[in-house]
C-alpha atoms as a PDB file:
ATOM      1  CA  MET A   1      31.654  -0.944   3.751  1.00  0.00           C
ATOM      2  CA  ASP A   2      34.546   0.205   1.648  1.00  0.00           C
ATOM      3  CA  PRO A   3      33.863  -0.705  -2.012  1.00  0.00           C
ATOM      4  CA  THR A   4      37.625  -0.888  -2.718  1.00  0.00           C
ATOM      5  CA  GLN A   5      38.140  -3.461   0.037  1.00  0.00           C
ATOM      6  CA  LEU A   6      35.082  -5.407  -1.137  1.00  0.00           C
ATOM      7  CA  LYS A   7      36.475  -5.473  -4.690  1.00  0.00           C
ATOM      8  CA  ASN A   8      39.867  -6.600  -3.378  1.00  0.00           C
ATOM      9  CA  PHE A   9      38.223  -9.381  -1.339  1.00  0.00           C
ATOM     10  CA  LEU A  10      36.161 -10.641  -4.291  1.00  0.00           C
ATOM     11  CA  GLU A  11      39.160 -10.536  -6.667  1.00  0.00           C
ATOM     12  CA  THR A  12      41.838 -12.012  -4.405  1.00  0.00           C
ATOM     13  CA  LYS A  13      40.038 -14.229  -1.869  1.00  0.00           C
ATOM     14  CA  CYS A  14      37.308 -15.700  -4.080  1.00  0.00           C
ATOM     15  CA  GLU A  15      37.117 -17.629  -7.332  1.00  0.00           C
ATOM     16  CA  PRO A  16      34.342 -18.906  -9.590  1.00  0.00           C
ATOM     17  CA  ARG A  17      33.786 -22.674  -9.437  1.00  0.00           C
ATOM     18  CA  ASN A  18      31.072 -24.280 -11.558  1.00  0.00           C
ATOM     19  CA  GLY A  19      29.339 -20.930 -11.962  1.00  0.00           C
ATOM     20  CA  VAL A  20      29.367 -20.176  -8.205  1.00  0.00           C
ATOM     21  CA  LEU A  21      31.619 -17.668  -6.445  1.00  0.00           C
ATOM     22  CA  VAL A  22      33.549 -19.520  -3.724  1.00  0.00           C
ATOM     23  CA  HIS A  23      35.797 -18.304  -0.916  1.00  0.00           C
ATOM     24  CA  ARG A  24      39.193 -19.886  -1.652  1.00  0.00           C
ATOM     25  CA  GLN A  25      40.226 -20.616   1.933  1.00  0.00           C
ATOM     26  CA  SER A  26      36.946 -22.050   3.253  1.00  0.00           C
ATOM     27  CA  GLY A  27      35.568 -23.465   0.001  1.00  0.00           C
ATOM     28  CA  LYS A  28      32.141 -22.081   0.900  1.00  0.00           C
ATOM     29  CA  PRO A  29      29.992 -20.163  -1.591  1.00  0.00           C
ATOM     30  CA  VAL A  30      29.785 -16.378  -1.355  1.00  0.00           C
ATOM     31  CA  LYS A  31      26.126 -15.537  -1.914  1.00  0.00           C
ATOM     32  CA  ALA A  32      25.465 -12.072  -0.548  1.00  0.00           C
ATOM     33  CA  VAL A  33      26.932  -8.711   0.395  1.00  0.00           C
ATOM     34  CA  ILE A  34      25.572  -6.883   3.460  1.00  0.00           C
ATOM     35  CA  PRO A  35      26.647  -3.236   3.604  1.00  0.00           C
ATOM     36  CA  VAL A  36      25.922  -1.533   6.931  1.00  0.00           C
ATOM     37  CA  HIS A  37      24.470   1.976   6.953  1.00  0.00           C
ATOM     38  CA  LEU A  38      25.569   3.446  10.263  1.00  0.00           C
ATOM     39  CA  TYR A  39      24.517   6.549  12.224  1.00  0.00           C
ATOM     40  CA  GLY A  40      22.252   7.676   9.375  1.00  0.00           C
ATOM     41  CA  GLN A  41      25.096   7.557   6.852  1.00  0.00           C
ATOM     42  CA  MET A  42      24.637   5.178   3.948  1.00  0.00           C
ATOM     43  CA  ALA A  43      27.458   3.125   2.440  1.00  0.00           C
ATOM     44  CA  ASP A  44      28.761   4.125  -1.002  1.00  0.00           C
ATOM     45  CA  MET A  45      26.165   2.049  -2.830  1.00  0.00           C
ATOM     46  CA  ASP A  46      26.894   2.650  -6.552  1.00  0.00           C
ATOM     47  CA  PRO A  47      30.255   0.823  -6.590  1.00  0.00           C
ATOM     48  CA  ILE A  48      28.917  -1.841  -4.218  1.00  0.00           C
ATOM     49  CA  CYS A  49      25.921  -2.454  -6.501  1.00  0.00           C
ATOM     50  CA  ALA A  50      28.259  -2.677  -9.515  1.00  0.00           C
ATOM     51  CA  LEU A  51      30.266  -5.413  -7.771  1.00  0.00           C
ATOM     52  CA  VAL A  52      27.071  -7.214  -6.751  1.00  0.00           C
ATOM     53  CA  GLU A  53      25.945  -7.227 -10.387  1.00  0.00           C
ATOM     54  CA  GLN A  54      29.375  -8.238 -11.684  1.00  0.00           C
ATOM     55  CA  TYR A  55      29.610 -11.234  -9.336  1.00  0.00           C
ATOM     56  CA  ASN A  56      25.872 -12.076  -9.409  1.00  0.00           C
ATOM     57  CA  LEU A  57      25.434 -11.675  -5.641  1.00  0.00           C
ATOM     58  CA  ILE A  58      22.470 -10.722  -3.480  1.00  0.00           C
ATOM     59  CA  LEU A  59      22.619  -7.355  -1.717  1.00  0.00           C
ATOM     60  CA  ILE A  60      20.948  -7.058   1.688  1.00  0.00           C
ATOM     61  CA  GLU A  61      21.162  -3.645   3.335  1.00  0.00           C
ATOM     62  CA  ASP A  62      21.661  -3.420   7.087  1.00  0.00           C
ATOM     63  CA  ALA A  63      19.637  -0.250   7.565  1.00  0.00           C
ATOM     64  CA  CYS A  64      19.103  -0.722  11.309  1.00  0.00           C
ATOM     65  CA  GLN A  65      20.536   2.713  12.053  1.00  0.00           C
ATOM     66  CA  ALA A  66      19.576   4.500   8.849  1.00  0.00           C
ATOM     67  CA  HIS A  67      15.837   5.157   9.096  1.00  0.00           C
ATOM     68  CA  GLY A  68      15.033   7.831   6.519  1.00  0.00           C
ATOM     69  CA  ALA A  69      18.631   8.146   5.294  1.00  0.00           C
ATOM     70  CA  GLU A  70      19.126   8.867   1.599  1.00  0.00           C
ATOM     71  CA  TYR A  71      21.911   8.202  -0.886  1.00  0.00           C
ATOM     72  CA  PHE A  72      22.436  10.103  -4.142  1.00  0.00           C
ATOM     73  CA  SER A  73      23.073   7.541  -6.861  1.00  0.00           C
ATOM     74  CA  ARG A  74      25.292   9.086  -9.515  1.00  0.00           C
ATOM     75  CA  LYS A  75      24.528   6.105 -11.724  1.00  0.00           C
ATOM     76  CA  ASP A  76      20.743   6.699 -11.631  1.00  0.00           C
ATOM     77  CA  ASN A  77      21.046  10.461 -11.011  1.00  0.00           C
ATOM     78  CA  ARG A  78      18.511  10.393  -8.165  1.00  0.00           C
ATOM     79  CA  TRP A  79      18.163  10.044  -4.409  1.00  0.00           C
ATOM     80  CA  LYS A  80      17.418   6.593  -2.990  1.00  0.00           C
ATOM     81  CA  LYS A  81      16.223   5.783   0.514  1.00  0.00           C
ATOM     82  CA  ALA A  82      17.938   3.293   2.783  1.00  0.00           C
ATOM     83  CA  GLY A  83      16.276  -0.067   2.407  1.00  0.00           C
ATOM     84  CA  SER A  84      15.250   0.423  -1.224  1.00  0.00           C
ATOM     85  CA  ILE A  85      18.459  -0.123  -3.161  1.00  0.00           C
ATOM     86  CA  ARG A  86      18.447  -3.797  -4.228  1.00  0.00           C
ATOM     87  CA  HIS A  87      17.114  -7.145  -2.994  1.00  0.00           C
ATOM     88  CA  ALA A  88      16.222  -6.596   0.656  1.00  0.00           C
ATOM     89  CA  ALA A  89      16.967  -4.621   3.820  1.00  0.00           C
ATOM     90  CA  ALA A  90      16.646  -5.046   7.568  1.00  0.00           C
ATOM     91  CA  PHE A  91      15.513  -2.334   9.983  1.00  0.00           C
ATOM     92  CA  SER A  92      15.662  -2.475  13.767  1.00  0.00           C
ATOM     93  CA  PHE A  93      13.237  -0.861  16.199  1.00  0.00           C
ATOM     94  CA  TYR A  94      15.245  -1.834  19.274  1.00  0.00           C
ATOM     95  CA  PRO A  95      14.895   0.894  21.923  1.00  0.00           C
ATOM     96  CA  GLY A  96      18.584   1.854  21.701  1.00  0.00           C
ATOM     97  CA  LYS A  97      18.488   2.390  17.923  1.00  0.00           C
ATOM     98  CA  ASN A  98      17.563   5.533  15.990  1.00  0.00           C
ATOM     99  CA  LEU A  99      13.858   4.641  15.887  1.00  0.00           C
ATOM    100  CA  GLY A 100      13.089   2.849  19.121  1.00  0.00           C
ATOM    101  CA  ALA A 101       9.954   0.903  19.950  1.00  0.00           C
ATOM    102  CA  CYS A 102       8.452  -0.233  23.223  1.00  0.00           C
ATOM    103  CA  GLY A 103      10.336  -3.495  23.226  1.00  0.00           C
ATOM    104  CA  GLU A 104      12.275  -5.261  20.530  1.00  0.00           C
ATOM    105  CA  ALA A 105      11.046  -5.213  16.947  1.00  0.00           C
ATOM    106  CA  GLY A 106      12.266  -5.050  13.386  1.00  0.00           C
ATOM    107  CA  ALA A 107      11.203  -5.031   9.761  1.00  0.00           C
ATOM    108  CA  ILE A 108      12.325  -6.423   6.447  1.00  0.00           C
ATOM    109  CA  THR A 109      11.790  -4.522   3.210  1.00  0.00           C
ATOM    110  CA  THR A 110      12.157  -5.908  -0.292  1.00  0.00           C
ATOM    111  CA  ASN A 111      11.260  -5.060  -3.861  1.00  0.00           C
ATOM    112  CA  ASP A 112      11.725  -8.684  -4.923  1.00  0.00           C
ATOM    113  CA  PRO A 113       8.467 -10.699  -4.801  1.00  0.00           C
ATOM    114  CA  LYS A 114      10.479 -13.959  -4.632  1.00  0.00           C
ATOM    115  CA  SER A 115      12.138 -12.804  -1.394  1.00  0.00           C
ATOM    116  CA  THR A 116       8.853 -12.404   0.478  1.00  0.00           C
ATOM    117  CA  GLY A 117       8.255 -16.157   0.584  1.00  0.00           C
ATOM    118  CA  ASN A 118      10.726 -16.624   3.426  1.00  0.00           C
ATOM    119  CA  ALA A 119       9.861 -13.385   5.177  1.00  0.00           C
ATOM    120  CA  GLY A 120       6.898 -12.831   7.396  1.00  0.00           C
ATOM    121  CA  CYS A 121       6.272 -11.897  10.947  1.00  0.00           C
ATOM    122  CA  CYS A 122       7.623 -13.779  13.850  1.00  0.00           C
ATOM    123  CA  ALA A 123       6.434 -13.619  17.440  1.00  0.00           C
ATOM    124  CA  ILE A 124       9.061 -14.638  19.966  1.00  0.00           C
ATOM    125  CA  THR A 125       7.640 -15.237  23.401  1.00  0.00           C
ATOM    126  CA  ASP A 126       9.370 -15.354  26.759  1.00  0.00           C
ATOM    127  CA  ARG A 127      10.211 -19.049  26.470  1.00  0.00           C
ATOM    128  CA  PRO A 128      13.408 -20.174  24.690  1.00  0.00           C
ATOM    129  CA  ARG A 129      12.881 -21.687  21.246  1.00  0.00           C
ATOM    130  CA  ASN A 130       9.263 -20.611  21.251  1.00  0.00           C
ATOM    131  CA  ILE A 131       8.796 -18.914  17.900  1.00  0.00           C
ATOM    132  CA  THR A 132       5.473 -18.590  16.137  1.00  0.00           C
ATOM    133  CA  ARG A 133       5.349 -17.490  12.515  1.00  0.00           C
ATOM    134  CA  CYS A 134       2.458 -15.493  11.170  1.00  0.00           C
ATOM    135  CA  ARG A 135       1.174 -16.303   7.675  1.00  0.00           C
ATOM    136  CA  GLY A 136       1.240 -20.047   7.237  1.00  0.00           C
ATOM    137  CA  LEU A 137       1.592 -20.391  10.982  1.00  0.00           C
ATOM    138  CA  GLN A 138       4.340 -22.793  11.995  1.00  0.00           C
ATOM    139  CA  ARG A 139       4.259 -23.677  15.673  1.00  0.00           C
ATOM    140  CA  PRO A 140       7.186 -25.315  17.451  1.00  0.00           C
ATOM    141  CA  ALA A 141       6.834 -29.084  17.741  1.00  0.00           C
ATOM    142  CA  GLY A 142       4.931 -30.215  20.812  1.00  0.00           C
ATOM    143  CA  ARG A 143       3.246 -26.871  21.433  1.00  0.00           C
ATOM    144  CA  ASP A 144      -0.397 -27.179  22.391  1.00  0.00           C
ATOM    145  CA  ALA A 145      -2.383 -25.277  19.748  1.00  0.00           C
ATOM    146  CA  SER A 146      -5.025 -24.314  22.300  1.00  0.00           C
ATOM    147  CA  ARG A 147      -2.382 -22.361  24.238  1.00  0.00           C
ATOM    148  CA  VAL A 148      -1.439 -20.137  21.280  1.00  0.00           C
ATOM    149  CA  SER A 149      -3.147 -16.816  21.742  1.00  0.00           C
ATOM    150  CA  GLU A 150      -5.119 -15.271  18.895  1.00  0.00           C
ATOM    151  CA  ARG A 151      -2.753 -12.300  18.984  1.00  0.00           C
ATOM    152  CA  GLU A 152       0.242 -14.551  18.227  1.00  0.00           C
ATOM    153  CA  THR A 153      -1.379 -15.883  15.076  1.00  0.00           C
ATOM    154  CA  GLU A 154      -2.529 -12.590  13.574  1.00  0.00           C
ATOM    155  CA  ALA A 155      -0.385 -10.847  10.984  1.00  0.00           C
ATOM    156  CA  PRO A 156       0.299  -7.210  11.812  1.00  0.00           C
ATOM    157  CA  ARG A 157      -1.701  -4.585   9.965  1.00  0.00           C
ATOM    158  CA  GLY A 158      -0.459  -4.198   6.423  1.00  0.00           C
ATOM    159  CA  MET A 159       0.871  -7.772   6.273  1.00  0.00           C
ATOM    160  CA  GLU A 160      -2.487  -9.569   5.841  1.00  0.00           C
END
């Protein structure tokens, strides 16, 4: 993500309305910025973070191809790891990504305790629309509880 283009977008295509930043053309609120760290190279985060603060936006890092990548913050005068910069980050363990797993998987990281309420683990089975959430288990409507395996309802280690 080019911070100059982001700044241009926020200044020319958006406007504050009733304390909320709104996209002029669509009229929809602009709530978050999602910079993508690609091929182990992190986006230029200091100017992006400054814009996020200036416009009171949420920053979610797409760190799916940046496992272990680091960024030197001139503002804080220290190295920061991908996924640790602001509100939250997403990592992918898809076999074709930098850190592949046996099957499809992913992780969310956050340093914001309020953000963890909507996060959790999710088990997607082979049937369409068949998603089971760990922690406060929410089964799809009409699913027979006796058919949910114990494995589907357990939180992964470290998420208990």
